[in-house]
C-alpha atoms as a PDB file:
ATOM      1  CA  MET A   1       7.195  -0.700 -18.019  1.00  0.00           C
ATOM      2  CA  ARG A   2       9.635   1.865 -16.673  1.00  0.00           C
ATOM      3  CA  VAL A   3       8.631   2.001 -12.984  1.00  0.00           C
ATOM      4  CA  ILE A   4       9.901   4.327 -10.249  1.00  0.00           C
ATOM      5  CA  VAL A   5       9.446   3.091  -6.677  1.00  0.00           C
ATOM      6  CA  THR A   6       9.568   5.584  -3.807  1.00  0.00           C
ATOM      7  CA  GLY A   7      10.562   4.132  -0.459  1.00  0.00           C
ATOM      8  CA  ALA A   8      12.455   1.426  -2.341  1.00  0.00           C
ATOM      9  CA  ALA A   9      14.631   0.484   0.647  1.00  0.00           C
ATOM     10  CA  GLY A  10      11.726   0.120   3.078  1.00  0.00           C
ATOM     11  CA  ARG A  11      10.065  -3.002   4.461  1.00  0.00           C
ATOM     12  CA  ILE A  12       7.713  -3.355   1.477  1.00  0.00           C
ATOM     13  CA  GLY A  13       9.910  -1.724  -1.143  1.00  0.00           C
ATOM     14  CA  SER A  14      12.887  -4.003  -0.528  1.00  0.00           C
ATOM     15  CA  ARG A  15      10.674  -7.023  -1.304  1.00  0.00           C
ATOM     16  CA  LEU A  16       8.648  -5.390  -4.072  1.00  0.00           C
ATOM     17  CA  VAL A  17      11.483  -4.034  -6.206  1.00  0.00           C
ATOM     18  CA  PRO A  18      13.152  -7.401  -6.974  1.00  0.00           C
ATOM     19  CA  GLY A  19       9.720  -8.905  -7.614  1.00  0.00           C
ATOM     20  CA  LEU A  20       8.845  -6.251 -10.167  1.00  0.00           C
ATOM     21  CA  VAL A  21      12.187  -6.809 -11.884  1.00  0.00           C
ATOM     22  CA  ASP A  22      11.440 -10.540 -12.042  1.00  0.00           C
ATOM     23  CA  ALA A  23       8.044  -9.662 -13.540  1.00  0.00           C
ATOM     24  CA  GLY A  24       9.846  -7.941 -16.409  1.00  0.00           C
ATOM     25  CA  HIS A  25       9.709  -4.268 -15.402  1.00  0.00           C
ATOM     26  CA  ASP A  26      12.551  -1.754 -15.694  1.00  0.00           C
ATOM     27  CA  VAL A  27      12.735  -0.454 -12.121  1.00  0.00           C
ATOM     28  CA  ALA A  28      14.546   2.386 -10.362  1.00  0.00           C
ATOM     29  CA  GLY A  29      14.049   3.595  -6.816  1.00  0.00           C
ATOM     30  CA  ILE A  30      14.365   6.554  -4.503  1.00  0.00           C
ATOM     31  CA  ASP A  31      14.818   6.409  -0.742  1.00  0.00           C
ATOM     32  CA  ALA A  32      16.320   8.439   2.083  1.00  0.00           C
ATOM     33  CA  ARG A  33      18.768   5.602   2.765  1.00  0.00           C
ATOM     34  CA  PRO A  34      20.959   3.596   0.404  1.00  0.00           C
ATOM     35  CA  ALA A  35      19.914   0.166  -0.852  1.00  0.00           C
ATOM     36  CA  ASP A  36      22.821  -1.383  -2.697  1.00  0.00           C
ATOM     37  CA  ASP A  37      21.465  -4.934  -2.586  1.00  0.00           C
ATOM     38  CA  LEU A  38      18.291  -4.478  -4.665  1.00  0.00           C
ATOM     39  CA  GLY A  39      19.937  -4.927  -8.038  1.00  0.00           C
ATOM     40  CA  VAL A  40      18.514  -1.665  -9.419  1.00  0.00           C
ATOM     41  CA  PRO A  41      19.672   1.952  -9.174  1.00  0.00           C
ATOM     42  CA  VAL A  42      18.329   3.623  -6.018  1.00  0.00           C
ATOM     43  CA  THR A  43      18.710   7.391  -5.721  1.00  0.00           C
ATOM     44  CA  VAL A  44      19.419   8.477  -2.142  1.00  0.00           C
ATOM     45  CA  ALA A  45      17.405  11.632  -1.464  1.00  0.00           C
ATOM     46  CA  GLU A  46      14.783  13.008   0.904  1.00  0.00           C
ATOM     47  CA  LEU A  47      11.608  12.869  -1.136  1.00  0.00           C
ATOM     48  CA  GLY A  48      10.074  15.723   0.832  1.00  0.00           C
ATOM     49  CA  ALA A  49      13.071  18.013   0.490  1.00  0.00           C
ATOM     50  CA  ASP A  50      14.309  17.758  -3.076  1.00  0.00           C
ATOM     51  CA  ASP A  51      11.705  18.125  -5.812  1.00  0.00           C
ATOM     52  CA  GLY A  52      14.350  18.291  -8.518  1.00  0.00           C
ATOM     53  CA  VAL A  53      15.569  14.750  -7.902  1.00  0.00           C
ATOM     54  CA  LEU A  54      12.061  13.295  -8.094  1.00  0.00           C
ATOM     55  CA  GLU A  55      11.219  15.192 -11.267  1.00  0.00           C
ATOM     56  CA  GLU A  56      14.454  14.087 -12.926  1.00  0.00           C
ATOM     57  CA  LEU A  57      13.985  10.478 -11.874  1.00  0.00           C
ATOM     58  CA  THR A  58      10.409  10.246 -13.128  1.00  0.00           C
ATOM     59  CA  ARG A  59      11.121  11.771 -16.526  1.00  0.00           C
ATOM     60  CA  GLY A  60      10.349   9.119 -19.132  1.00  0.00           C
ATOM     61  CA  ALA A  61       8.739   6.755 -16.606  1.00  0.00           C
ATOM     62  CA  ASP A  62       5.515   4.866 -17.291  1.00  0.00           C
ATOM     63  CA  ALA A  63       4.430   4.523 -13.657  1.00  0.00           C
ATOM     64  CA  ILE A  64       5.276   5.462 -10.088  1.00  0.00           C
ATOM     65  CA  VAL A  65       4.749   3.138  -7.140  1.00  0.00           C
ATOM     66  CA  HIS A  66       4.570   5.419  -4.108  1.00  0.00           C
ATOM     67  CA  LEU A  67       5.501   3.651  -0.870  1.00  0.00           C
ATOM     68  CA  ALA A  68       7.509   6.331   0.941  1.00  0.00           C
ATOM     69  CA  ALA A  69       5.914   7.393   4.252  1.00  0.00           C
ATOM     70  CA  ASN A  70       6.172   7.041   8.004  1.00  0.00           C
ATOM     71  CA  ALA A  71       4.813   3.542   8.535  1.00  0.00           C
ATOM     72  CA  GLY A  72       3.135   4.131  11.879  1.00  0.00           C
ATOM     73  CA  GLU A  73       1.311   6.604  14.075  1.00  0.00           C
ATOM     74  CA  THR A  74       2.767  10.112  14.430  1.00  0.00           C
ATOM     75  CA  ASP A  75       1.564  13.528  15.487  1.00  0.00           C
ATOM     76  CA  PHE A  76      -0.790  15.422  13.183  1.00  0.00           C
ATOM     77  CA  ALA A  77       1.833  17.681  11.574  1.00  0.00           C
ATOM     78  CA  THR A  78       4.091  14.731  10.734  1.00  0.00           C
ATOM     79  CA  ALA A  79       1.160  12.817   9.273  1.00  0.00           C
ATOM     80  CA  LEU A  80       0.350  15.739   6.969  1.00  0.00           C
ATOM     81  CA  GLN A  81       3.946  15.925   5.749  1.00  0.00           C
ATOM     82  CA  SER A  82       4.452  12.187   5.420  1.00  0.00           C
ATOM     83  CA  HIS A  83       1.225  11.340   3.638  1.00  0.00           C
ATOM     84  CA  LEU A  84      -0.370  14.406   2.032  1.00  0.00           C
ATOM     85  CA  VAL A  85       2.660  16.538   1.171  1.00  0.00           C
ATOM     86  CA  LEU A  86       4.774  13.662  -0.145  1.00  0.00           C
ATOM     87  CA  THR A  87       1.882  12.200  -2.121  1.00  0.00           C
ATOM     88  CA  HIS A  88       1.150  15.622  -3.617  1.00  0.00           C
ATOM     89  CA  ARG A  89       4.759  15.864  -4.788  1.00  0.00           C
ATOM     90  CA  VAL A  90       4.588  12.439  -6.379  1.00  0.00           C
ATOM     91  CA  LEU A  91       1.319  13.257  -8.151  1.00  0.00           C
ATOM     92  CA  GLU A  92       2.719  16.579  -9.346  1.00  0.00           C
ATOM     93  CA  ALA A  93       5.809  14.864 -10.714  1.00  0.00           C
ATOM     94  CA  ALA A  94       3.556  12.390 -12.524  1.00  0.00           C
ATOM     95  CA  ARG A  95       1.422  15.201 -13.952  1.00  0.00           C
ATOM     96  CA  THR A  96       4.412  17.322 -15.006  1.00  0.00           C
ATOM     97  CA  ASN A  97       6.289  14.457 -16.643  1.00  0.00           C
ATOM     98  CA  HIS A  98       3.210  12.818 -18.186  1.00  0.00           C
ATOM     99  CA  VAL A  99       3.638   9.637 -16.162  1.00  0.00           C
ATOM    100  CA  GLY A 100       0.353   7.911 -16.836  1.00  0.00           C
ATOM    101  CA  ARG A 101      -0.074   5.717 -13.780  1.00  0.00           C
ATOM    102  CA  VAL A 102       0.478   5.897 -10.004  1.00  0.00           C
ATOM    103  CA  VAL A 103       0.111   3.017  -7.547  1.00  0.00           C
ATOM    104  CA  TYR A 104      -0.292   4.421  -4.044  1.00  0.00           C
ATOM    105  CA  ALA A 105       0.341   2.433  -0.859  1.00  0.00           C
ATOM    106  CA  SER A 106      -2.674   3.327   1.259  1.00  0.00           C
ATOM    107  CA  SER A 107      -3.661   1.299   4.317  1.00  0.00           C
ATOM    108  CA  ASN A 108      -6.493  -0.596   5.961  1.00  0.00           C
ATOM    109  CA  HIS A 109      -6.207   2.051   8.691  1.00  0.00           C
ATOM    110  CA  ALA A 110      -7.979   4.500   6.362  1.00  0.00           C
ATOM    111  CA  VAL A 111     -11.124   2.554   7.313  1.00  0.00           C
ATOM    112  CA  GLY A 112      -9.836   1.211  10.616  1.00  0.00           C
ATOM    113  CA  TYR A 113     -12.846   2.170  12.752  1.00  0.00           C
ATOM    114  CA  THR A 114     -15.196   0.216  10.492  1.00  0.00           C
ATOM    115  CA  PRO A 115     -16.694  -2.591  12.603  1.00  0.00           C
ATOM    116  CA  ARG A 116     -15.524  -5.996  11.451  1.00  0.00           C
ATOM    117  CA  ALA A 117     -18.060  -7.813   9.302  1.00  0.00           C
ATOM    118  CA  GLU A 118     -18.112 -11.010   7.293  1.00  0.00           C
ATOM    119  CA  MET A 119     -16.964  -9.146   4.174  1.00  0.00           C
ATOM    120  CA  VAL A 120     -16.273  -5.411   3.832  1.00  0.00           C
ATOM    121  CA  GLY A 121     -16.221  -3.848   0.372  1.00  0.00           C
ATOM    122  CA  VAL A 122     -14.152  -0.920  -0.844  1.00  0.00           C
ATOM    123  CA  GLY A 123     -17.241   1.313  -0.828  1.00  0.00           C
ATOM    124  CA  THR A 124     -17.266   1.655   2.953  1.00  0.00           C
ATOM    125  CA  ARG A 125     -16.783   5.284   3.991  1.00  0.00           C
ATOM    126  CA  PRO A 126     -13.401   6.471   5.302  1.00  0.00           C
ATOM    127  CA  ARG A 127     -13.177   5.820   9.054  1.00  0.00           C
ATOM    128  CA  PRO A 128      -9.510   6.372   9.963  1.00  0.00           C
ATOM    129  CA  ASP A 129      -8.352   4.994  13.284  1.00  0.00           C
ATOM    130  CA  SER A 130      -5.354   7.330  13.800  1.00  0.00           C
ATOM    131  CA  PHE A 131      -3.519  10.281  12.287  1.00  0.00           C
ATOM    132  CA  TYR A 132      -1.733   7.650  10.194  1.00  0.00           C
ATOM    133  CA  GLY A 133      -5.075   6.376   8.899  1.00  0.00           C
ATOM    134  CA  PHE A 134      -6.313   9.934   8.369  1.00  0.00           C
ATOM    135  CA  GLY A 135      -3.234  10.700   6.264  1.00  0.00           C
ATOM    136  CA  LYS A 136      -3.875   7.652   4.098  1.00  0.00           C
ATOM    137  CA  ALA A 137      -7.594   8.448   3.658  1.00  0.00           C
ATOM    138  CA  ALA A 138      -6.823  12.067   2.781  1.00  0.00           C
ATOM    139  CA  ALA A 139      -4.149  11.016   0.300  1.00  0.00           C
ATOM    140  CA  GLU A 140      -6.683   8.687  -1.363  1.00  0.00           C
ATOM    141  CA  ALA A 141      -8.908  11.739  -1.874  1.00  0.00           C
ATOM    142  CA  LEU A 142      -5.962  13.650  -3.347  1.00  0.00           C
ATOM    143  CA  CYS A 143      -5.312  10.773  -5.757  1.00  0.00           C
ATOM    144  CA  SER A 144      -8.980  10.901  -6.771  1.00  0.00           C
ATOM    145  CA  LEU A 145      -8.644  14.615  -7.519  1.00  0.00           C
ATOM    146  CA  TYR A 146      -5.619  14.052  -9.753  1.00  0.00           C
ATOM    147  CA  HIS A 147      -7.495  11.332 -11.620  1.00  0.00           C
ATOM    148  CA  ASP A 148     -10.579  13.467 -12.232  1.00  0.00           C
ATOM    149  CA  ARG A 149      -8.798  16.734 -12.939  1.00  0.00           C
ATOM    150  CA  HIS A 150      -5.632  15.594 -14.698  1.00  0.00           C
ATOM    151  CA  GLY A 151      -6.504  12.150 -16.033  1.00  0.00           C
ATOM    152  CA  LEU A 152      -3.919  10.201 -14.015  1.00  0.00           C
ATOM    153  CA  GLU A 153      -4.702   6.524 -13.599  1.00  0.00           C
ATOM    154  CA  VAL A 154      -4.341   5.712  -9.911  1.00  0.00           C
ATOM    155  CA  ALA A 155      -4.708   2.615  -7.758  1.00  0.00           C
ATOM    156  CA  CYS A 156      -4.918   3.059  -3.976  1.00  0.00           C
ATOM    157  CA  LEU A 157      -3.964  -0.150  -2.184  1.00  0.00           C
ATOM    158  CA  ARG A 158      -5.442  -0.502   1.313  1.00  0.00           C
ATOM    159  CA  ILE A 159      -2.685  -2.797   2.476  1.00  0.00           C
ATOM    160  CA  GLY A 160      -3.462  -5.190   5.307  1.00  0.00           C
ATOM    161  CA  SER A 161      -0.694  -6.863   7.337  1.00  0.00           C
ATOM    162  CA  PHE A 162       2.417  -7.121   5.179  1.00  0.00           C
ATOM    163  CA  ARG A 163       4.639  -9.805   6.698  1.00  0.00           C
ATOM    164  CA  SER A 164       6.814 -12.684   5.578  1.00  0.00           C
ATOM    165  CA  ARG A 165       4.263 -14.837   7.406  1.00  0.00           C
ATOM    166  CA  PRO A 166       1.227 -14.213   9.632  1.00  0.00           C
ATOM    167  CA  ARG A 167       1.886 -14.023  13.379  1.00  0.00           C
ATOM    168  CA  THR A 168      -1.458 -13.283  15.061  1.00  0.00           C
ATOM    169  CA  ARG A 169      -5.087 -14.339  14.818  1.00  0.00           C
ATOM    170  CA  ARG A 170      -5.908 -11.056  13.097  1.00  0.00           C
ATOM    171  CA  HIS A 171      -3.259 -11.788  10.476  1.00  0.00           C
ATOM    172  CA  LEU A 172      -5.199 -14.905   9.467  1.00  0.00           C
ATOM    173  CA  ALA A 173      -7.661 -12.453   7.884  1.00  0.00           C
ATOM    174  CA  THR A 174      -5.434  -9.477   6.995  1.00  0.00           C
ATOM    175  CA  TRP A 175      -2.119 -10.971   5.827  1.00  0.00           C
ATOM    176  CA  LEU A 176      -0.476  -9.820   2.605  1.00  0.00           C
ATOM    177  CA  SER A 177       2.448 -12.008   1.619  1.00  0.00           C
ATOM    178  CA  PRO A 178       5.473 -10.536  -0.188  1.00  0.00           C
ATOM    179  CA  GLY A 179       4.693 -12.628  -3.264  1.00  0.00           C
ATOM    180  CA  ASP A 180       1.086 -11.494  -3.406  1.00  0.00           C
ATOM    181  CA  CYS A 181       2.181  -7.898  -2.860  1.00  0.00           C
ATOM    182  CA  VAL A 182       4.237  -8.150  -6.044  1.00  0.00           C
ATOM    183  CA  ARG A 183       1.324  -9.781  -7.870  1.00  0.00           C
ATOM    184  CA  LEU A 184      -1.065  -7.026  -6.735  1.00  0.00           C
ATOM    185  CA  VAL A 185       1.178  -4.143  -7.791  1.00  0.00           C
ATOM    186  CA  ASP A 186       2.018  -5.866 -11.076  1.00  0.00           C
ATOM    187  CA  ALA A 187      -1.707  -6.276 -11.801  1.00  0.00           C
ATOM    188  CA  CYS A 188      -2.264  -2.563 -11.170  1.00  0.00           C
ATOM    189  CA  LEU A 189       0.614  -1.700 -13.498  1.00  0.00           C
ATOM    190  CA  ARG A 190      -0.689  -3.927 -16.293  1.00  0.00           C
ATOM    191  CA  ALA A 191      -4.471  -3.408 -16.012  1.00  0.00           C
ATOM    192  CA  PRO A 192      -5.574  -1.987 -19.388  1.00  0.00           C
ATOM    193  CA  ASP A 193      -8.218   0.344 -17.922  1.00  0.00           C
ATOM    194  CA  LEU A 194      -7.144   1.196 -14.381  1.00  0.00           C
ATOM    195  CA  GLY A 195      -8.974   4.515 -14.054  1.00  0.00           C
ATOM    196  CA  PHE A 196      -9.216   5.280 -10.337  1.00  0.00           C
ATOM    197  CA  ALA A 197      -9.331   2.175  -8.175  1.00  0.00           C
ATOM    198  CA  VAL A 198      -9.360   1.537  -4.433  1.00  0.00           C
ATOM    199  CA  VAL A 199      -8.558  -2.082  -3.609  1.00  0.00           C
ATOM    200  CA  TYR A 200      -7.697  -4.086  -0.522  1.00  0.00           C
ATOM    201  CA  GLY A 201      -4.196  -5.489  -0.323  1.00  0.00           C
ATOM    202  CA  ILE A 202      -4.402  -8.949   1.218  1.00  0.00           C
ATOM    203  CA  SER A 203      -3.619 -12.490   0.180  1.00  0.00           C
ATOM    204  CA  ALA A 204      -6.197 -15.177  -0.642  1.00  0.00           C
ATOM    205  CA  ASN A 205      -6.954 -15.671   3.048  1.00  0.00           C
ATOM    206  CA  ARG A 206      -9.793 -18.074   3.807  1.00  0.00           C
ATOM    207  CA  ARG A 207     -10.817 -15.886   6.767  1.00  0.00           C
ATOM    208  CA  ALA A 208     -10.537 -12.547   4.932  1.00  0.00           C
ATOM    209  CA  TRP A 209     -12.561  -9.604   6.234  1.00  0.00           C
ATOM    210  CA  TRP A 210     -12.121  -7.585   3.036  1.00  0.00           C
ATOM    211  CA  ASP A 211     -13.618  -8.145  -0.392  1.00  0.00           C
ATOM    212  CA  LEU A 212     -10.997  -8.708  -3.094  1.00  0.00           C
ATOM    213  CA  ALA A 213     -13.451  -8.369  -6.001  1.00  0.00           C
ATOM    214  CA  ALA A 214     -12.140  -4.925  -7.028  1.00  0.00           C
ATOM    215  CA  ALA A 215      -8.542  -6.164  -7.026  1.00  0.00           C
ATOM    216  CA  ARG A 216      -9.409  -9.329  -8.925  1.00  0.00           C
ATOM    217  CA  ALA A 217     -11.170  -7.193 -11.547  1.00  0.00           C
ATOM    218  CA  LEU A 218      -7.782  -5.619 -12.281  1.00  0.00           C
ATOM    219  CA  GLY A 219      -6.194  -9.030 -12.818  1.00  0.00           C
ATOM    220  CA  TYR A 220      -4.916  -9.739  -9.303  1.00  0.00           C
ATOM    221  CA  GLU A 221      -4.706 -13.463  -8.583  1.00  0.00           C
ATOM    222  CA  PRO A 222      -3.308 -14.051  -5.066  1.00  0.00           C
ATOM    223  CA  LEU A 223      -1.688 -17.415  -4.435  1.00  0.00           C
ATOM    224  CA  ASP A 224      -0.987 -17.427  -0.696  1.00  0.00           C
ATOM    225  CA  ASP A 225      -3.362 -18.144   2.199  1.00  0.00           C
ATOM    226  CA  ALA A 226      -2.722 -17.390   5.870  1.00  0.00           C
ATOM    227  CA  GLU A 227      -4.658 -20.555   6.726  1.00  0.00           C
ATOM    228  CA  ALA A 228      -1.443 -22.514   6.200  1.00  0.00           C
ATOM    229  CA  TYR A 229      -0.254 -21.033   9.514  1.00  0.00           C
ATOM    230  CA  ALA A 230      -3.552 -21.256  11.407  1.00  0.00           C
ATOM    231  CA  ALA A 231      -2.801 -24.405  13.410  1.00  0.00           C
ATOM    232  CA  GLU A 232       0.448 -22.951  14.727  1.00  0.00           C
ATOM    233  CA  ILE A 233      -1.087 -19.573  15.573  1.00  0.00           C
ATOM    234  CA  GLU A 234      -4.130 -21.103  17.259  1.00  0.00           C
ATOM    235  CA  ALA A 235      -2.097 -23.574  19.310  1.00  0.00           C
ATOM    236  CA  THR A 236      -2.185 -21.039  22.159  1.00  0.00           C
ATOM    237  CA  PRO A 237      -5.450 -19.687  23.645  1.00  0.00           C
ATOM    238  CA  PRO A 238      -6.716 -16.319  22.406  1.00  0.00           C
ATOM    239  CA  THR A 239      -5.746 -13.281  24.453  1.00  0.00           C
ATOM    240  CA  LEU A 240      -7.637 -10.112  25.359  1.00  0.00           C
ATOM    241  CA  GLU A 241      -5.587  -8.346  22.677  1.00  0.00           C
ATOM    242  CA  ASP A 242      -6.826 -10.862  20.083  1.00  0.00           C
ATOM    243  CA  GLU A 243     -10.421 -10.119  21.064  1.00  0.00           C
ATOM    244  CA  LEU A 244      -9.917  -6.344  20.970  1.00  0.00           C
ATOM    245  CA  ASP A 245      -8.147  -6.530  17.614  1.00  0.00           C
ATOM    246  CA  ALA A 246     -11.108  -8.377  16.077  1.00  0.00           C
ATOM    247  CA  ARG A 247     -13.687  -5.669  16.847  1.00  0.00           C
ATOM    248  CA  TYR A 248     -12.679  -3.192  14.139  1.00  0.00           C
ATOM    249  CA  LEU A 249     -10.771  -3.472  10.884  1.00  0.00           C
ATOM    250  CA  GLY A 250      -7.873  -1.437  12.265  1.00  0.00           C
ATOM    251  CA  GLY A 251      -6.908  -3.989  14.901  1.00  0.00           C
ATOM    252  CA  GLU A 252      -4.480  -2.755  17.549  1.00  0.00           C
ATOM    253  CA  PHE A 253      -4.850   0.842  16.345  1.00  0.00           C
ATOM    254  CA  THR A 254      -8.408   0.778  17.756  1.00  0.00           C
ATOM    255  CA  ARG A 255      -7.619  -0.633  21.198  1.00  0.00           C
ATOM    256  CA  PRO A 256      -8.857   1.526  24.101  1.00  0.00           C
ATOM    257  CA  GLY A 257      -6.326   4.226  24.927  1.00  0.00           C
END
């Protein structure tokens, strides 16, 4: 597939782009900063400031993977711009250029104030834990609108803790490895009947809090498990922060204060 990746030079994008190329896709990117080491053309442009570049880049594409956003908490106005406005521009470019499929990088923080349970499904109601989480939840709703009104196929990935390796006790449940991130996005690109899907983005963690059934139904087969790092992580006693981060799905975003 011809795939355009926004935020291609970011923490996830810089690992995802080469993986998608290895999976056989024809990939190009767009980012506010240059990324000469990805092996694919990356257009340097502010996604929120130059609609013409995005429309030109997505012409003839089969799918857009939308990663570009502020990757942390901000004030309300910045959250609106980073998540809703940018996502709207991506969806409009897809609609205008007849790009059939969008994969949107949402976040577990869209449901961050959901109390931790043995297994939480994707049907839990939005309970954002921050303006960041609110922006992701609202953008999921916008993606749903574009699916129902314009027929776009959209996958919203509630990404857990994307890291090269897990570092905390919470990560033993919420880790998403770079390899599994590629496998998840590739599954969403190849699923024959994507429709509108909300899925959790984590690896095959033995201690997972989130149900991967919806992702597996699209063809996602994770290979990594945070349990491989459990002995090292648990070699030190748990801290108060570990206990607080285990109360709600959003972890440190839900700590008091």
